[in-house]
Amino acid sequence: MKKVYILLFLMSLCGCAKEPNVLYGSDGREIPMVFQNFPDIPFPDKAFMNIEDSRTLGNGTNWTGSICYTVGYDAGRVFDFYVTEMPKKEWVEIAVVRAEISQMTYVRNGRAVQILIQIEGKDSAFVTITAVPNQASVKLLTE
């Protein structure tokens, strides 16, 4: 009889488990769980975070540090993705250099983001996104 009570108790605990909250991007696609702490930055499909190289503090729209990931698209498509998607998140383009290692700089609400896109292969790129506080961008955008 004791085993029945234990079994019922365990089954009731399993019933209490809930699915994690799902976050959706502006296009309606589900954002992978690992990227949900950074809702102010768009991430392409087929992106896989490199945890060993990523270093961040905070979350939401107030994080700082660097996010590194690989993606199953060529570097040119990733570059075009950010040119299109960053303004949708209200980032303002400051500088863009398209090269073997492309560099993009955006500002928004007292923060600056630099995006580096490196060619890894024919259909692969390594991306580093670094966010830092930047009060100069507030003055620049209000002038």
C-alpha atoms as a PDB file:
ATOM      1  CA  MET A   1       0.000   0.000   0.000  1.00  0.00           C
ATOM      2  CA  LYS A   2       2.877   2.351   0.774  1.00  0.00           C
ATOM      3  CA  LYS A   3       4.187   1.891  -2.784  1.00  0.00           C
ATOM      4  CA  VAL A   4       0.809   2.954  -4.184  1.00  0.00           C
ATOM      5  CA  TYR A   5       0.890   6.206  -2.192  1.00  0.00           C
ATOM      6  CA  ILE A   6       4.431   6.918  -3.348  1.00  0.00           C
ATOM      7  CA  LEU A   7       3.447   6.219  -6.940  1.00  0.00           C
ATOM      8  CA  LEU A   8       0.402   8.511  -6.660  1.00  0.00           C
ATOM      9  CA  PHE A   9       2.547  11.235  -5.090  1.00  0.00           C
ATOM     10  CA  LEU A  10       5.121  11.027  -7.897  1.00  0.00           C
ATOM     11  CA  MET A  11       2.413  11.086 -10.555  1.00  0.00           C
ATOM     12  CA  SER A  12       0.881  14.188  -9.000  1.00  0.00           C
ATOM     13  CA  LEU A  13       4.277  15.918  -9.079  1.00  0.00           C
ATOM     14  CA  CYS A  14       4.652  15.098 -12.776  1.00  0.00           C
ATOM     15  CA  GLY A  15       1.255  16.671 -13.413  1.00  0.00           C
ATOM     16  CA  CYS A  16       2.462  19.906 -11.818  1.00  0.00           C
ATOM     17  CA  ALA A  17       5.381  20.289 -14.212  1.00  0.00           C
ATOM     18  CA  LYS A  18       4.672  22.913 -16.827  1.00  0.00           C
ATOM     19  CA  GLU A  19       6.150  23.644 -20.181  1.00  0.00           C
ATOM     20  CA  PRO A  20       8.597  26.567 -20.259  1.00  0.00           C
ATOM     21  CA  ASN A  21       7.216  29.850 -21.543  1.00  0.00           C
ATOM     22  CA  VAL A  22       7.676  30.210 -25.274  1.00  0.00           C
ATOM     23  CA  LEU A  23       8.812  33.573 -26.639  1.00  0.00           C
ATOM     24  CA  TYR A  24       7.988  34.561 -30.219  1.00  0.00           C
ATOM     25  CA  GLY A  25       9.829  37.014 -32.464  1.00  0.00           C
ATOM     26  CA  SER A  26       8.256  39.877 -34.388  1.00  0.00           C
ATOM     27  CA  ASP A  27       7.746  37.527 -37.340  1.00  0.00           C
ATOM     28  CA  GLY A  28       5.805  34.990 -35.236  1.00  0.00           C
ATOM     29  CA  ARG A  29       8.558  32.369 -35.139  1.00  0.00           C
ATOM     30  CA  GLU A  30       9.504  30.751 -31.829  1.00  0.00           C
ATOM     31  CA  ILE A  31      12.782  32.075 -30.409  1.00  0.00           C
ATOM     32  CA  PRO A  32      15.095  29.268 -29.232  1.00  0.00           C
ATOM     33  CA  MET A  33      15.288  29.129 -25.429  1.00  0.00           C
ATOM     34  CA  VAL A  34      18.993  30.032 -25.317  1.00  0.00           C
ATOM     35  CA  PHE A  35      18.345  33.352 -27.106  1.00  0.00           C
ATOM     36  CA  GLN A  36      15.231  34.366 -25.134  1.00  0.00           C
ATOM     37  CA  ASN A  37      17.274  36.340 -22.590  1.00  0.00           C
ATOM     38  CA  PHE A  38      18.136  38.804 -25.374  1.00  0.00           C
ATOM     39  CA  PRO A  39      14.779  39.929 -26.843  1.00  0.00           C
ATOM     40  CA  ASP A  40      16.204  43.173 -28.237  1.00  0.00           C
ATOM     41  CA  ILE A  41      18.453  41.341 -30.699  1.00  0.00           C
ATOM     42  CA  PRO A  42      17.190  39.336 -33.694  1.00  0.00           C
ATOM     43  CA  PHE A  43      18.743  35.910 -34.300  1.00  0.00           C
ATOM     44  CA  PRO A  44      18.427  33.973 -37.560  1.00  0.00           C
ATOM     45  CA  ASP A  45      17.107  30.424 -37.770  1.00  0.00           C
ATOM     46  CA  LYS A  46      19.799  27.755 -37.587  1.00  0.00           C
ATOM     47  CA  ALA A  47      21.723  29.776 -34.970  1.00  0.00           C
ATOM     48  CA  PHE A  48      23.534  27.816 -32.262  1.00  0.00           C
ATOM     49  CA  MET A  49      25.033  29.702 -29.321  1.00  0.00           C
ATOM     50  CA  ASN A  50      28.666  29.079 -28.505  1.00  0.00           C
ATOM     51  CA  ILE A  51      28.420  29.041 -24.708  1.00  0.00           C
ATOM     52  CA  GLU A  52      32.199  28.794 -24.198  1.00  0.00           C
ATOM     53  CA  ASP A  53      32.870  32.093 -25.991  1.00  0.00           C
ATOM     54  CA  SER A  54      29.768  34.009 -24.846  1.00  0.00           C
ATOM     55  CA  ARG A  55      29.995  36.255 -21.785  1.00  0.00           C
ATOM     56  CA  THR A  56      26.971  38.297 -20.715  1.00  0.00           C
ATOM     57  CA  LEU A  57      25.626  40.059 -17.647  1.00  0.00           C
ATOM     58  CA  GLY A  58      21.942  40.797 -17.228  1.00  0.00           C
ATOM     59  CA  ASN A  59      19.104  39.990 -19.569  1.00  0.00           C
ATOM     60  CA  GLY A  60      16.124  41.538 -21.264  1.00  0.00           C
ATOM     61  CA  THR A  61      16.980  44.855 -22.870  1.00  0.00           C
ATOM     62  CA  ASN A  62      19.646  45.665 -20.283  1.00  0.00           C
ATOM     63  CA  TRP A  63      22.311  43.039 -20.892  1.00  0.00           C
ATOM     64  CA  THR A  64      25.973  43.725 -21.619  1.00  0.00           C
ATOM     65  CA  GLY A  65      28.735  41.486 -22.887  1.00  0.00           C
ATOM     66  CA  SER A  66      29.216  39.279 -25.924  1.00  0.00           C
ATOM     67  CA  ILE A  67      27.079  36.577 -27.493  1.00  0.00           C
ATOM     68  CA  CYS A  68      28.831  34.242 -29.917  1.00  0.00           C
ATOM     69  CA  TYR A  69      27.062  31.835 -32.213  1.00  0.00           C
ATOM     70  CA  THR A  70      27.426  29.862 -35.394  1.00  0.00           C
ATOM     71  CA  VAL A  71      24.733  29.858 -38.025  1.00  0.00           C
ATOM     72  CA  GLY A  72      23.969  27.656 -41.006  1.00  0.00           C
ATOM     73  CA  TYR A  73      23.961  30.485 -43.566  1.00  0.00           C
ATOM     74  CA  ASP A  74      26.745  32.152 -45.479  1.00  0.00           C
ATOM     75  CA  ALA A  75      28.107  35.395 -44.041  1.00  0.00           C
ATOM     76  CA  GLY A  76      26.465  37.517 -46.754  1.00  0.00           C
ATOM     77  CA  ARG A  77      22.976  36.279 -45.847  1.00  0.00           C
ATOM     78  CA  VAL A  78      23.657  36.903 -42.146  1.00  0.00           C
ATOM     79  CA  PHE A  79      24.816  40.442 -42.963  1.00  0.00           C
ATOM     80  CA  ASP A  80      21.635  41.082 -44.971  1.00  0.00           C
ATOM     81  CA  PHE A  81      19.554  39.626 -42.134  1.00  0.00           C
ATOM     82  CA  TYR A  82      20.913  42.186 -39.648  1.00  0.00           C
ATOM     83  CA  VAL A  83      20.604  45.106 -42.081  1.00  0.00           C
ATOM     84  CA  THR A  84      16.899  44.231 -42.385  1.00  0.00           C
ATOM     85  CA  GLU A  85      16.079  43.097 -38.845  1.00  0.00           C
ATOM     86  CA  MET A  86      17.949  45.526 -36.549  1.00  0.00           C
ATOM     87  CA  PRO A  87      15.797  48.560 -37.535  1.00  0.00           C
ATOM     88  CA  LYS A  88      12.687  46.475 -36.737  1.00  0.00           C
ATOM     89  CA  LYS A  89      13.988  46.292 -33.150  1.00  0.00           C
ATOM     90  CA  GLU A  90      14.486  50.101 -33.221  1.00  0.00           C
ATOM     91  CA  TRP A  91      18.283  49.978 -33.528  1.00  0.00           C
ATOM     92  CA  VAL A  92      19.834  52.880 -35.460  1.00  0.00           C
ATOM     93  CA  GLU A  93      22.693  52.075 -37.804  1.00  0.00           C
ATOM     94  CA  ILE A  94      25.900  54.005 -37.100  1.00  0.00           C
ATOM     95  CA  ALA A  95      28.482  52.202 -39.239  1.00  0.00           C
ATOM     96  CA  VAL A  96      28.547  49.159 -41.502  1.00  0.00           C
ATOM     97  CA  VAL A  97      31.544  47.546 -43.182  1.00  0.00           C
ATOM     98  CA  ARG A  98      30.949  44.538 -45.427  1.00  0.00           C
ATOM     99  CA  ALA A  99      34.194  42.581 -45.754  1.00  0.00           C
ATOM    100  CA  GLU A 100      35.746  39.204 -44.997  1.00  0.00           C
ATOM    101  CA  ILE A 101      34.930  39.997 -41.365  1.00  0.00           C
ATOM    102  CA  SER A 102      31.900  42.288 -41.588  1.00  0.00           C
ATOM    103  CA  GLN A 103      31.348  44.852 -38.833  1.00  0.00           C
ATOM    104  CA  MET A 104      28.089  46.561 -37.959  1.00  0.00           C
ATOM    105  CA  THR A 105      27.445  49.121 -35.217  1.00  0.00           C
ATOM    106  CA  TYR A 106      23.998  50.126 -33.943  1.00  0.00           C
ATOM    107  CA  VAL A 107      22.741  52.282 -31.058  1.00  0.00           C
ATOM    108  CA  ARG A 108      19.481  52.416 -29.133  1.00  0.00           C
ATOM    109  CA  ASN A 109      18.369  53.782 -25.745  1.00  0.00           C
ATOM    110  CA  GLY A 110      21.823  54.456 -24.323  1.00  0.00           C
ATOM    111  CA  ARG A 111      23.357  51.236 -25.588  1.00  0.00           C
ATOM    112  CA  ALA A 112      25.611  50.338 -28.485  1.00  0.00           C
ATOM    113  CA  VAL A 113      25.855  46.978 -30.236  1.00  0.00           C
ATOM    114  CA  GLN A 114      28.649  45.796 -32.489  1.00  0.00           C
ATOM    115  CA  ILE A 115      28.049  42.765 -34.717  1.00  0.00           C
ATOM    116  CA  LEU A 116      31.011  40.920 -36.229  1.00  0.00           C
ATOM    117  CA  ILE A 117      30.281  38.324 -38.915  1.00  0.00           C
ATOM    118  CA  GLN A 118      33.061  35.950 -39.972  1.00  0.00           C
ATOM    119  CA  ILE A 119      33.009  33.471 -42.827  1.00  0.00           C
ATOM    120  CA  GLU A 120      33.313  29.920 -41.482  1.00  0.00           C
ATOM    121  CA  GLY A 121      32.531  27.976 -44.618  1.00  0.00           C
ATOM    122  CA  LYS A 122      30.393  28.005 -47.724  1.00  0.00           C
ATOM    123  CA  ASP A 123      27.150  27.848 -45.713  1.00  0.00           C
ATOM    124  CA  SER A 124      28.345  28.807 -42.248  1.00  0.00           C
ATOM    125  CA  ALA A 125      29.242  31.954 -40.332  1.00  0.00           C
ATOM    126  CA  PHE A 126      30.499  32.792 -36.848  1.00  0.00           C
ATOM    127  CA  VAL A 127      28.805  35.832 -35.299  1.00  0.00           C
ATOM    128  CA  THR A 128      29.816  37.870 -32.257  1.00  0.00           C
ATOM    129  CA  ILE A 129      27.382  40.451 -30.886  1.00  0.00           C
ATOM    130  CA  THR A 130      28.758  42.775 -28.215  1.00  0.00           C
ATOM    131  CA  ALA A 131      26.502  45.152 -26.290  1.00  0.00           C
ATOM    132  CA  VAL A 132      27.753  47.961 -24.047  1.00  0.00           C
ATOM    133  CA  PRO A 133      26.256  51.001 -22.331  1.00  0.00           C
ATOM    134  CA  ASN A 134      26.791  54.117 -24.439  1.00  0.00           C
ATOM    135  CA  GLN A 135      25.394  57.424 -23.189  1.00  0.00           C
ATOM    136  CA  ALA A 136      26.914  59.231 -26.191  1.00  0.00           C
ATOM    137  CA  SER A 137      24.315  57.512 -28.380  1.00  0.00           C
ATOM    138  CA  VAL A 138      21.492  59.135 -26.396  1.00  0.00           C
ATOM    139  CA  LYS A 139      22.915  62.590 -27.147  1.00  0.00           C
ATOM    140  CA  LEU A 140      23.549  61.692 -30.799  1.00  0.00           C
ATOM    141  CA  LEU A 141      19.988  60.485 -31.349  1.00  0.00           C
ATOM    142  CA  THR A 142      18.357  63.484 -29.632  1.00  0.00           C
ATOM    143  CA  GLU A 143      20.287  66.189 -31.480  1.00  0.00           C
END
